[in-house]
């Protein structure tokens, strides 16, 4: 049976209130998991298996602490390694709850801890051990990655966003489709309307529209996500990339995973 490789991220703004520490929207996670489950089952029935890597953002479990301690810059002159301990504990708690809500939606993914398999240098992810991720995919399982604190050979530690981990992963495992689930239906213009498609020229025209996040976000907000998604497509690491909001019933997310549509904003 042939297989398509798909990466789906449930963004921190979609599954948490990023301004409220420890908030998690389990109903949204379960609904998205159910929509993904439908896509996997439908694809299998048609004779085309999907190899799925699932990701989730750090949301209020990671960004608030990371901003408080300046964790992107690494070991703090006053707080030392405290950020690493607190962010690791908070992300472990979040990830366990995330998995439980995925189970309610019919998905049973397995976390591959970024802290254990990734290493950065100067704030950039330079190494990602993909052995366990590949092994899980080959066995028909769903590996999970998430934004996390990781060791950094220059800074002691730093923050690795889900997108940074995806960038490192896609150098060796390119994806047919990348789907980012957000709290907005794609990238919005000044009037709050969804921009259906963005290419490289479109990014330059949208320079004044794309900003950071209104809530604590240490990884660059929407502009950084858009730049990375365009880069994935341009360099052949993703056949297509899309940002969308999971609609009631999740039909658009199911279609996005299958590659038959999905709305939101398409990149490339």
Protein backbone atom coordinates (compact mmCIF):
# COMPACT_ATOMS: atom_id res chain seq x y z
CA UNK A 1 0.00 0.00 0.00
CA UNK A 2 1.44 3.40 -0.98
CA UNK A 3 1.72 6.09 1.68
CA UNK A 4 1.53 9.87 1.87
CA UNK A 5 3.51 11.58 4.62
CA UNK A 6 1.57 14.32 6.44
CA UNK A 7 2.48 16.62 9.32
CA UNK A 8 -0.36 18.16 11.35
CA UNK A 9 0.23 20.69 14.10
CA UNK A 10 -2.45 21.73 16.57
CA UNK A 11 -1.27 25.22 17.43
CA UNK A 12 -0.89 26.53 20.95
CA UNK A 13 -3.41 29.28 20.21
CA UNK A 14 -5.93 26.63 19.10
CA UNK A 15 -5.61 24.29 22.07
CA UNK A 16 -4.88 26.79 24.88
CA UNK A 17 -5.59 30.36 25.90
CA UNK A 18 -2.02 31.54 25.52
CA UNK A 19 -2.54 34.35 28.03
CA UNK A 20 -3.74 32.01 30.82
CA UNK A 21 -1.11 29.67 32.22
CA UNK A 22 -2.11 26.01 32.25
CA UNK A 23 -5.27 26.40 30.16
CA UNK A 24 -6.07 23.54 27.78
CA UNK A 25 -9.08 23.09 25.52
CA UNK A 26 -9.59 19.33 25.58
CA UNK A 27 -12.74 19.49 23.46
CA UNK A 28 -10.83 21.11 20.60
CA UNK A 29 -8.07 18.52 20.80
CA UNK A 30 -10.55 15.63 20.77
CA UNK A 31 -12.52 17.14 17.88
CA UNK A 32 -9.37 17.67 15.80
CA UNK A 33 -8.18 14.15 16.62
CA UNK A 34 -11.51 12.76 15.46
CA UNK A 35 -11.26 14.70 12.17
CA UNK A 36 -7.75 13.32 11.63
CA UNK A 37 -8.95 9.80 12.47
CA UNK A 38 -11.61 10.07 9.77
CA UNK A 39 -8.96 11.09 7.23
CA UNK A 40 -6.69 8.17 8.15
CA UNK A 41 -9.54 5.68 7.93
CA UNK A 42 -10.87 7.05 4.65
CA UNK A 43 -7.41 7.01 3.09
CA UNK A 44 -6.79 3.42 4.24
CA UNK A 45 -10.09 2.29 2.71
CA UNK A 46 -9.04 3.77 -0.61
CA UNK A 47 -5.74 1.83 -0.52
CA UNK A 48 -3.47 4.79 0.27
CA UNK A 49 -2.01 4.82 3.78
CA UNK A 50 -1.09 8.07 5.51
CA UNK A 51 2.08 8.28 7.58
CA UNK A 52 1.17 10.96 10.11
CA UNK A 53 3.42 12.99 12.36
CA UNK A 54 1.41 15.01 14.87
CA UNK A 55 2.65 18.16 16.56
CA UNK A 56 1.35 20.60 19.11
CA UNK A 57 2.39 24.03 20.25
CA UNK A 58 3.47 24.93 23.77
CA UNK A 59 0.70 27.48 24.24
CA UNK A 60 0.28 28.84 27.74
CA UNK A 61 2.24 25.92 29.20
CA UNK A 62 5.48 27.01 27.57
CA UNK A 63 5.39 30.55 26.24
CA UNK A 64 4.56 32.35 29.50
CA UNK A 65 7.44 30.67 31.35
CA UNK A 66 9.79 31.07 28.39
CA UNK A 67 9.08 34.80 28.23
CA UNK A 68 9.39 35.22 32.01
CA UNK A 69 12.88 33.70 32.08
CA UNK A 70 14.10 34.82 28.65
CA UNK A 71 14.60 31.14 27.85
CA UNK A 72 15.33 31.65 24.15
CA UNK A 73 18.62 33.25 25.23
CA UNK A 74 19.44 30.28 27.45
CA UNK A 75 20.90 30.25 30.94
CA UNK A 76 19.84 33.40 32.80
CA UNK A 77 22.42 35.42 34.82
CA UNK A 78 20.00 35.52 37.77
CA UNK A 79 17.77 32.45 37.35
CA UNK A 80 20.38 30.07 35.92
CA UNK A 81 18.85 26.80 34.71
CA UNK A 82 15.49 27.33 36.41
CA UNK A 83 13.69 27.92 33.11
CA UNK A 84 14.73 24.52 31.81
CA UNK A 85 13.35 22.73 34.87
CA UNK A 86 10.05 24.61 34.93
CA UNK A 87 9.38 24.51 31.19
CA UNK A 88 10.24 20.79 30.98
CA UNK A 89 7.86 20.01 33.83
CA UNK A 90 5.10 22.15 32.35
CA UNK A 91 5.45 20.67 28.86
CA UNK A 92 5.45 17.11 30.22
CA UNK A 93 2.17 17.89 32.00
CA UNK A 94 0.68 19.46 28.87
CA UNK A 95 1.74 16.64 26.59
CA UNK A 96 0.23 13.95 28.82
CA UNK A 97 -3.11 15.79 28.86
CA UNK A 98 -2.86 16.32 25.09
CA UNK A 99 -2.42 12.58 24.50
CA UNK A 100 -5.41 11.74 26.70
CA UNK A 101 -7.67 14.10 24.73
CA UNK A 102 -6.35 12.66 21.45
CA UNK A 103 -7.40 9.22 22.72
CA UNK A 104 -10.94 10.54 23.21
CA UNK A 105 -10.97 11.49 19.53
CA UNK A 106 -9.77 8.07 18.39
CA UNK A 107 -6.04 8.76 17.98
CA UNK A 108 -3.36 6.98 20.00
CA UNK A 109 -0.11 8.83 19.25
CA UNK A 110 3.28 8.32 20.91
CA UNK A 111 5.40 11.26 22.05
CA UNK A 112 9.03 11.52 20.97
CA UNK A 113 10.38 14.08 23.46
CA UNK A 114 12.19 16.91 21.67
CA UNK A 115 14.38 17.41 24.75
CA UNK A 116 15.70 13.86 24.30
CA UNK A 117 16.29 13.89 20.52
CA UNK A 118 17.09 17.50 19.56
CA UNK A 119 20.07 19.76 20.17
CA UNK A 120 20.58 23.40 19.25
CA UNK A 121 23.50 25.72 18.71
CA UNK A 122 23.12 29.48 19.05
CA UNK A 123 19.33 29.16 19.26
CA UNK A 124 18.92 27.05 16.10
CA UNK A 125 18.10 23.34 16.03
CA UNK A 126 21.17 21.66 14.53
CA UNK A 127 20.55 18.00 15.36
CA UNK A 128 17.41 15.89 15.45
CA UNK A 129 17.64 12.12 15.94
CA UNK A 130 14.81 10.82 13.73
CA UNK A 131 15.37 7.09 14.32
CA UNK A 132 12.38 6.58 16.63
CA UNK A 133 10.16 8.79 14.49
CA UNK A 134 10.96 6.71 11.39
CA UNK A 135 10.47 3.45 13.28
CA UNK A 136 7.05 4.52 14.55
CA UNK A 137 5.94 5.60 11.06
CA UNK A 138 7.08 2.32 9.54
CA UNK A 139 5.00 0.46 12.14
CA UNK A 140 1.89 2.51 11.33
CA UNK A 141 2.06 4.55 14.53
CA UNK A 142 1.75 8.32 15.06
CA UNK A 143 4.79 10.08 16.56
CA UNK A 144 4.21 13.39 18.35
CA UNK A 145 6.57 16.36 18.54
CA UNK A 146 5.92 19.59 20.41
CA UNK A 147 7.50 22.93 21.18
CA UNK A 148 9.97 22.48 24.01
CA UNK A 149 13.15 23.58 25.72
CA UNK A 150 16.22 21.77 24.36
CA UNK A 151 19.93 21.77 25.15
CA UNK A 152 22.05 24.32 23.31
CA UNK A 153 25.81 23.90 22.97
CA UNK A 154 26.39 27.67 23.24
CA UNK A 155 23.55 28.91 25.46
CA UNK A 156 23.05 25.93 27.74
CA UNK A 157 19.47 25.60 26.52
CA UNK A 158 17.01 27.38 24.26
CA UNK A 159 13.45 27.08 22.92
CA UNK A 160 12.73 24.89 19.90
CA UNK A 161 9.36 25.64 18.31
CA UNK A 162 7.33 22.92 16.63
CA UNK A 163 8.12 24.60 13.31
CA UNK A 164 11.86 24.52 14.03
CA UNK A 165 11.63 20.81 14.82
CA UNK A 166 9.59 20.26 11.64
CA UNK A 167 12.24 22.13 9.65
CA UNK A 168 14.96 19.81 10.99
CA UNK A 169 12.80 16.72 10.46
CA UNK A 170 11.77 17.63 6.91
CA UNK A 171 15.40 17.86 5.77
CA UNK A 172 15.49 14.05 5.99
CA UNK A 173 11.77 13.19 5.86
CA UNK A 174 10.00 15.50 3.40
CA UNK A 175 6.21 15.73 3.70
CA UNK A 176 3.51 15.60 1.07
CA UNK A 177 1.35 17.93 3.16
CA UNK A 178 1.83 20.18 6.17
CA UNK A 179 -1.32 21.34 7.98
CA UNK A 180 -1.24 23.93 10.76
CA UNK A 181 -4.42 24.25 12.83
CA UNK A 182 -4.80 27.74 14.30
CA UNK A 183 -7.36 29.84 16.16
CA UNK A 184 -7.98 31.79 12.95
CA UNK A 185 -9.07 30.44 9.58
CA UNK A 186 -5.71 30.96 7.93
CA UNK A 187 -3.83 34.24 7.58
CA UNK A 188 -6.10 37.26 7.88
CA UNK A 189 -5.87 40.62 6.09
CA UNK A 190 -6.44 44.04 7.70
CA UNK A 191 -10.21 43.54 7.51
CA UNK A 192 -10.15 40.10 9.12
CA UNK A 193 -10.72 38.20 5.87
CA UNK A 194 -8.87 34.99 5.13
CA UNK A 195 -6.15 35.29 2.49
CA UNK A 196 -6.72 32.14 0.40
CA UNK A 197 -3.18 31.78 -0.99
CA UNK A 198 0.25 33.25 -0.27
CA UNK A 199 3.35 32.90 -2.42
CA UNK A 200 6.75 34.58 -2.09
CA UNK A 201 5.57 37.79 -3.77
CA UNK A 202 2.48 37.79 -1.59
CA UNK A 203 4.62 37.65 1.56
CA UNK A 204 6.36 40.91 0.59
CA UNK A 205 3.00 42.59 -0.01
CA UNK A 206 1.73 41.40 3.37
CA UNK A 207 4.65 42.76 5.37
CA UNK A 208 2.38 45.19 7.22
CA UNK A 209 -0.30 42.60 7.95
CA UNK A 210 1.78 39.86 9.51
CA UNK A 211 2.81 40.53 13.07
CA UNK A 212 3.48 38.69 16.27
CA UNK A 213 0.99 37.17 18.65
CA UNK A 214 -1.12 39.23 21.03
CA UNK A 215 -0.42 36.70 23.77
CA UNK A 216 3.04 35.67 25.01
CA UNK A 217 4.87 34.03 22.08
CA UNK A 218 8.64 33.62 22.04
CA UNK A 219 8.85 31.95 18.63
CA UNK A 220 7.91 34.76 16.27
CA UNK A 221 4.13 34.65 15.89
CA UNK A 222 2.31 34.38 12.57
CA UNK A 223 4.96 36.02 10.37
CA UNK A 224 7.60 33.47 11.37
CA UNK A 225 5.17 30.60 10.68
CA UNK A 226 4.32 31.98 7.23
CA UNK A 227 8.00 32.40 6.32
CA UNK A 228 8.80 28.84 7.39
CA UNK A 229 5.86 27.30 5.54
CA UNK A 230 6.79 29.09 2.32
CA UNK A 231 10.38 27.93 2.77
CA UNK A 232 9.27 24.30 3.24
CA UNK A 233 7.36 24.37 -0.04
CA UNK A 234 10.03 26.28 -1.96
CA UNK A 235 12.79 23.87 -0.91
CA UNK A 236 10.76 20.74 -1.62
CA UNK A 237 10.34 19.74 2.02
CA UNK A 238 6.56 19.94 1.72
CA UNK A 239 4.39 19.39 -1.33
CA UNK A 240 1.86 21.82 0.10
CA UNK A 241 1.29 23.71 3.34
CA UNK A 242 -1.88 25.16 4.81
CA UNK A 243 -3.07 27.09 7.87
CA UNK A 244 -6.72 26.69 8.88
CA UNK A 245 -9.12 26.62 11.78
CA UNK A 246 -10.80 23.29 12.52
CA UNK A 247 -14.46 23.87 11.67
CA UNK A 248 -17.35 22.41 13.71
CA UNK A 249 -17.42 18.72 12.83
CA UNK A 250 -13.84 18.96 11.52
CA UNK A 251 -14.66 18.30 7.88
CA UNK A 252 -12.16 20.88 6.59
CA UNK A 253 -9.35 19.35 8.67
CA UNK A 254 -10.22 15.90 7.35
CA UNK A 255 -10.03 17.24 3.79
CA UNK A 256 -6.73 19.03 4.47
CA UNK A 257 -5.14 15.83 5.79
CA UNK A 258 -6.41 13.95 2.74
CA UNK A 259 -5.17 16.70 0.41
CA UNK A 260 -8.61 17.33 -1.09
CA UNK A 261 -9.08 20.89 0.16
CA UNK A 262 -9.63 22.38 3.57
CA UNK A 263 -9.87 26.12 3.03
CA UNK A 264 -7.84 28.50 5.17
CA UNK A 265 -4.60 29.77 3.60
CA UNK A 266 -2.59 27.66 1.17
CA UNK A 267 1.14 28.35 0.70
CA UNK A 268 3.27 28.03 -2.38
